[in-house]
C-alpha atoms as a PDB file:
ATOM      1  CA  UNK A   1     -62.808 -19.395  -9.466  1.00  0.00           C
ATOM      2  CA  UNK A   2     -59.145 -20.306  -9.533  1.00  0.00           C
ATOM      3  CA  UNK A   3     -56.898 -20.293 -12.321  1.00  0.00           C
ATOM      4  CA  UNK A   4     -54.344 -22.660 -11.988  1.00  0.00           C
ATOM      5  CA  UNK A   5     -51.160 -23.264 -14.149  1.00  0.00           C
ATOM      6  CA  UNK A   6     -49.220 -26.084 -13.552  1.00  0.00           C
ATOM      7  CA  UNK A   7     -45.694 -26.779 -14.859  1.00  0.00           C
ATOM      8  CA  UNK A   8     -44.441 -30.542 -14.990  1.00  0.00           C
ATOM      9  CA  UNK A   9     -40.954 -32.052 -16.753  1.00  0.00           C
ATOM     10  CA  UNK A  10     -41.743 -32.774 -20.104  1.00  0.00           C
ATOM     11  CA  UNK A  11     -41.242 -36.375 -19.648  1.00  0.00           C
ATOM     12  CA  UNK A  12     -44.324 -36.893 -17.120  1.00  0.00           C
ATOM     13  CA  UNK A  13     -46.485 -38.951 -18.663  1.00  0.00           C
ATOM     14  CA  UNK A  14     -50.343 -37.843 -19.126  1.00  0.00           C
ATOM     15  CA  UNK A  15     -51.584 -40.094 -16.484  1.00  0.00           C
ATOM     16  CA  UNK A  16     -49.351 -38.609 -14.010  1.00  0.00           C
ATOM     17  CA  UNK A  17     -50.202 -35.364 -14.985  1.00  0.00           C
ATOM     18  CA  UNK A  18     -53.718 -35.981 -14.421  1.00  0.00           C
ATOM     19  CA  UNK A  19     -53.374 -37.163 -11.202  1.00  0.00           C
ATOM     20  CA  UNK A  20     -51.331 -34.067 -10.525  1.00  0.00           C
ATOM     21  CA  UNK A  21     -53.930 -32.064 -11.672  1.00  0.00           C
ATOM     22  CA  UNK A  22     -56.596 -34.049  -9.325  1.00  0.00           C
ATOM     23  CA  UNK A  23     -54.646 -33.404  -6.465  1.00  0.00           C
ATOM     24  CA  UNK A  24     -54.560 -29.908  -6.674  1.00  0.00           C
ATOM     25  CA  UNK A  25     -58.067 -29.391  -7.213  1.00  0.00           C
ATOM     26  CA  UNK A  26     -59.150 -31.459  -4.158  1.00  0.00           C
ATOM     27  CA  UNK A  27     -56.784 -29.726  -2.201  1.00  0.00           C
ATOM     28  CA  UNK A  28     -58.445 -26.310  -3.318  1.00  0.00           C
ATOM     29  CA  UNK A  29     -61.977 -27.487  -3.019  1.00  0.00           C
ATOM     30  CA  UNK A  30     -60.832 -29.078   0.836  1.00  0.00           C
ATOM     31  CA  UNK A  31     -58.827 -26.419   1.848  1.00  0.00           C
ATOM     32  CA  UNK A  32     -60.505 -23.114   0.560  1.00  0.00           C
ATOM     33  CA  UNK A  33     -64.016 -24.542  -0.272  1.00  0.00           C
ATOM     34  CA  UNK A  34     -63.661 -24.278  -3.861  1.00  0.00           C
ATOM     35  CA  UNK A  35     -66.641 -25.519  -5.422  1.00  0.00           C
ATOM     36  CA  UNK A  36     -65.899 -28.949  -7.556  1.00  0.00           C
ATOM     37  CA  UNK A  37     -66.964 -28.005 -10.991  1.00  0.00           C
ATOM     38  CA  UNK A  38     -64.176 -24.762 -10.750  1.00  0.00           C
ATOM     39  CA  UNK A  39     -61.772 -26.986 -12.115  1.00  0.00           C
ATOM     40  CA  UNK A  40     -59.228 -24.471 -14.838  1.00  0.00           C
ATOM     41  CA  UNK A  41     -55.915 -26.133 -14.843  1.00  0.00           C
ATOM     42  CA  UNK A  42     -53.712 -25.623 -17.689  1.00  0.00           C
ATOM     43  CA  UNK A  43     -50.574 -27.936 -17.580  1.00  0.00           C
ATOM     44  CA  UNK A  44     -47.752 -26.930 -19.461  1.00  0.00           C
ATOM     45  CA  UNK A  45     -44.625 -29.063 -20.403  1.00  0.00           C
ATOM     46  CA  UNK A  46     -41.233 -27.821 -19.623  1.00  0.00           C
ATOM     47  CA  UNK A  47     -37.449 -29.183 -21.089  1.00  0.00           C
ATOM     48  CA  UNK A  48     -35.077 -29.261 -18.546  1.00  0.00           C
ATOM     49  CA  UNK A  49     -32.776 -27.056 -20.953  1.00  0.00           C
ATOM     50  CA  UNK A  50     -35.369 -24.400 -20.825  1.00  0.00           C
ATOM     51  CA  UNK A  51     -36.490 -24.218 -16.930  1.00  0.00           C
ATOM     52  CA  UNK A  52     -33.333 -23.026 -14.520  1.00  0.00           C
ATOM     53  CA  UNK A  53     -33.873 -22.566 -10.826  1.00  0.00           C
ATOM     54  CA  UNK A  54     -31.585 -23.482  -7.896  1.00  0.00           C
ATOM     55  CA  UNK A  55     -31.470 -26.725  -6.605  1.00  0.00           C
ATOM     56  CA  UNK A  56     -31.189 -25.453  -3.352  1.00  0.00           C
ATOM     57  CA  UNK A  57     -32.699 -22.596  -2.783  1.00  0.00           C
ATOM     58  CA  UNK A  58     -33.997 -22.076   1.145  1.00  0.00           C
ATOM     59  CA  UNK A  59     -32.065 -24.829   2.149  1.00  0.00           C
ATOM     60  CA  UNK A  60     -34.415 -27.498   0.055  1.00  0.00           C
ATOM     61  CA  UNK A  61     -32.487 -30.328  -2.072  1.00  0.00           C
ATOM     62  CA  UNK A  62     -34.627 -30.363  -5.151  1.00  0.00           C
ATOM     63  CA  UNK A  63     -34.446 -32.465  -7.909  1.00  0.00           C
ATOM     64  CA  UNK A  64     -34.671 -32.442 -11.760  1.00  0.00           C
ATOM     65  CA  UNK A  65     -38.317 -33.118 -12.154  1.00  0.00           C
ATOM     66  CA  UNK A  66     -39.940 -30.199 -10.306  1.00  0.00           C
ATOM     67  CA  UNK A  67     -43.427 -29.113 -10.192  1.00  0.00           C
ATOM     68  CA  UNK A  68     -44.320 -25.572 -10.207  1.00  0.00           C
ATOM     69  CA  UNK A  69     -47.914 -24.527  -9.263  1.00  0.00           C
ATOM     70  CA  UNK A  70     -49.102 -21.200  -9.945  1.00  0.00           C
ATOM     71  CA  UNK A  71     -52.611 -20.087  -8.982  1.00  0.00           C
ATOM     72  CA  UNK A  72     -54.476 -16.992  -9.552  1.00  0.00           C
ATOM     73  CA  UNK A  73     -57.839 -16.231  -7.762  1.00  0.00           C
ATOM     74  CA  UNK A  74     -59.874 -13.452  -6.022  1.00  0.00           C
ATOM     75  CA  UNK A  75     -58.135 -12.176  -2.916  1.00  0.00           C
ATOM     76  CA  UNK A  76     -59.542 -12.991  -0.008  1.00  0.00           C
ATOM     77  CA  UNK A  77     -58.252 -15.644   1.898  1.00  0.00           C
ATOM     78  CA  UNK A  78     -56.259 -15.528   4.911  1.00  0.00           C
ATOM     79  CA  UNK A  79     -52.393 -16.246   5.437  1.00  0.00           C
ATOM     80  CA  UNK A  80     -53.772 -19.488   7.176  1.00  0.00           C
ATOM     81  CA  UNK A  81     -56.051 -20.673   4.715  1.00  0.00           C
ATOM     82  CA  UNK A  82     -52.753 -20.113   2.332  1.00  0.00           C
ATOM     83  CA  UNK A  83     -50.878 -22.325   4.632  1.00  0.00           C
ATOM     84  CA  UNK A  84     -53.074 -25.281   4.935  1.00  0.00           C
ATOM     85  CA  UNK A  85     -53.938 -24.973   1.020  1.00  0.00           C
ATOM     86  CA  UNK A  86     -50.349 -25.114   0.178  1.00  0.00           C
ATOM     87  CA  UNK A  87     -49.318 -28.285   2.475  1.00  0.00           C
ATOM     88  CA  UNK A  88     -52.732 -29.817   0.842  1.00  0.00           C
ATOM     89  CA  UNK A  89     -51.435 -29.603  -2.895  1.00  0.00           C
ATOM     90  CA  UNK A  90     -47.354 -30.492  -1.604  1.00  0.00           C
ATOM     91  CA  UNK A  91     -49.235 -33.568   0.218  1.00  0.00           C
ATOM     92  CA  UNK A  92     -52.215 -34.344  -2.498  1.00  0.00           C
ATOM     93  CA  UNK A  93     -49.318 -34.427  -5.215  1.00  0.00           C
ATOM     94  CA  UNK A  94     -46.824 -36.812  -3.599  1.00  0.00           C
ATOM     95  CA  UNK A  95     -49.517 -39.255  -2.580  1.00  0.00           C
ATOM     96  CA  UNK A  96     -51.137 -39.123  -5.807  1.00  0.00           C
ATOM     97  CA  UNK A  97     -47.955 -39.347  -7.720  1.00  0.00           C
ATOM     98  CA  UNK A  98     -44.905 -40.418  -5.871  1.00  0.00           C
ATOM     99  CA  UNK A  99     -43.396 -36.689  -6.630  1.00  0.00           C
ATOM    100  CA  UNK A 100     -41.293 -35.575  -3.517  1.00  0.00           C
ATOM    101  CA  UNK A 101     -43.314 -32.353  -1.698  1.00  0.00           C
ATOM    102  CA  UNK A 102     -40.046 -30.827  -1.648  1.00  0.00           C
ATOM    103  CA  UNK A 103     -40.393 -31.075  -5.817  1.00  0.00           C
ATOM    104  CA  UNK A 104     -43.368 -29.009  -5.643  1.00  0.00           C
ATOM    105  CA  UNK A 105     -42.833 -24.802  -5.748  1.00  0.00           C
ATOM    106  CA  UNK A 106     -46.343 -22.927  -5.319  1.00  0.00           C
ATOM    107  CA  UNK A 107     -46.936 -19.194  -5.742  1.00  0.00           C
ATOM    108  CA  UNK A 108     -50.373 -17.540  -5.534  1.00  0.00           C
ATOM    109  CA  UNK A 109     -51.982 -14.464  -7.825  1.00  0.00           C
ATOM    110  CA  UNK A 110     -54.313 -12.595  -5.883  1.00  0.00           C
ATOM    111  CA  UNK A 111     -56.793 -10.163  -7.652  1.00  0.00           C
ATOM    112  CA  UNK A 112     -60.473  -8.743  -7.976  1.00  0.00           C
ATOM    113  CA  UNK A 113     -63.579  -9.872  -9.902  1.00  0.00           C
ATOM    114  CA  UNK A 114     -62.951  -6.678 -12.063  1.00  0.00           C
ATOM    115  CA  UNK A 115     -60.000  -8.555 -13.369  1.00  0.00           C
ATOM    116  CA  UNK A 116     -61.775 -11.396 -14.579  1.00  0.00           C
ATOM    117  CA  UNK A 117     -64.098 -12.184 -17.513  1.00  0.00           C
ATOM    118  CA  UNK A 118     -65.140 -15.649 -17.700  1.00  0.00           C
ATOM    119  CA  UNK A 119     -67.456 -16.491 -20.568  1.00  0.00           C
ATOM    120  CA  UNK A 120     -69.055 -14.373 -23.589  1.00  0.00           C
ATOM    121  CA  UNK A 121     -66.610 -11.761 -23.118  1.00  0.00           C
ATOM    122  CA  UNK A 122     -68.777 -10.407 -20.230  1.00  0.00           C
ATOM    123  CA  UNK A 123     -67.211  -8.783 -17.205  1.00  0.00           C
ATOM    124  CA  UNK A 124     -67.411 -10.795 -14.074  1.00  0.00           C
ATOM    125  CA  UNK A 125     -68.781  -8.765 -11.928  1.00  0.00           C
ATOM    126  CA  UNK A 126     -71.999  -8.132 -13.871  1.00  0.00           C
ATOM    127  CA  UNK A 127     -72.468 -11.899 -13.537  1.00  0.00           C
ATOM    128  CA  UNK A 128     -74.470 -13.734 -10.830  1.00  0.00           C
ATOM    129  CA  UNK A 129     -73.040 -16.905 -10.412  1.00  0.00           C
ATOM    130  CA  UNK A 130     -75.716 -19.789  -9.560  1.00  0.00           C
ATOM    131  CA  UNK A 131     -75.422 -23.859  -9.395  1.00  0.00           C
ATOM    132  CA  UNK A 132     -75.972 -25.225 -12.769  1.00  0.00           C
ATOM    133  CA  UNK A 133     -74.982 -22.074 -14.708  1.00  0.00           C
ATOM    134  CA  UNK A 134     -74.812 -18.185 -14.886  1.00  0.00           C
ATOM    135  CA  UNK A 135     -77.974 -15.250 -14.856  1.00  0.00           C
ATOM    136  CA  UNK A 136     -76.574 -12.261 -16.322  1.00  0.00           C
ATOM    137  CA  UNK A 137     -77.936  -8.881 -14.473  1.00  0.00           C
END
């Protein structure tokens, strides 16, 4: 289960935010096989005076409307899967919202089951996931 933080410029309209979230989710589903019902994306609106970043880092010219996608998920994806995921996220966001792919910045944190509790304060390693619900061991 990935948990995503998406950071958008404060003047990004709610409908466009929703399209960006859906674009990210569809990339996770198609690229690394996340189930459709594993959608957890917290959107943060940043004021431009509170976000400082290089407009030319690594030779990529960026605008004032950078979208930052931070993904935390269980480790185990290959570099090839991550490469496909990053490309799918950028392309999907661009197609869904008109955002330039050059303005999509993505990074990932990987961890283990022992780093999660997904409800009831239960240790995630103690849960058995099944379609349509969760069964406690």
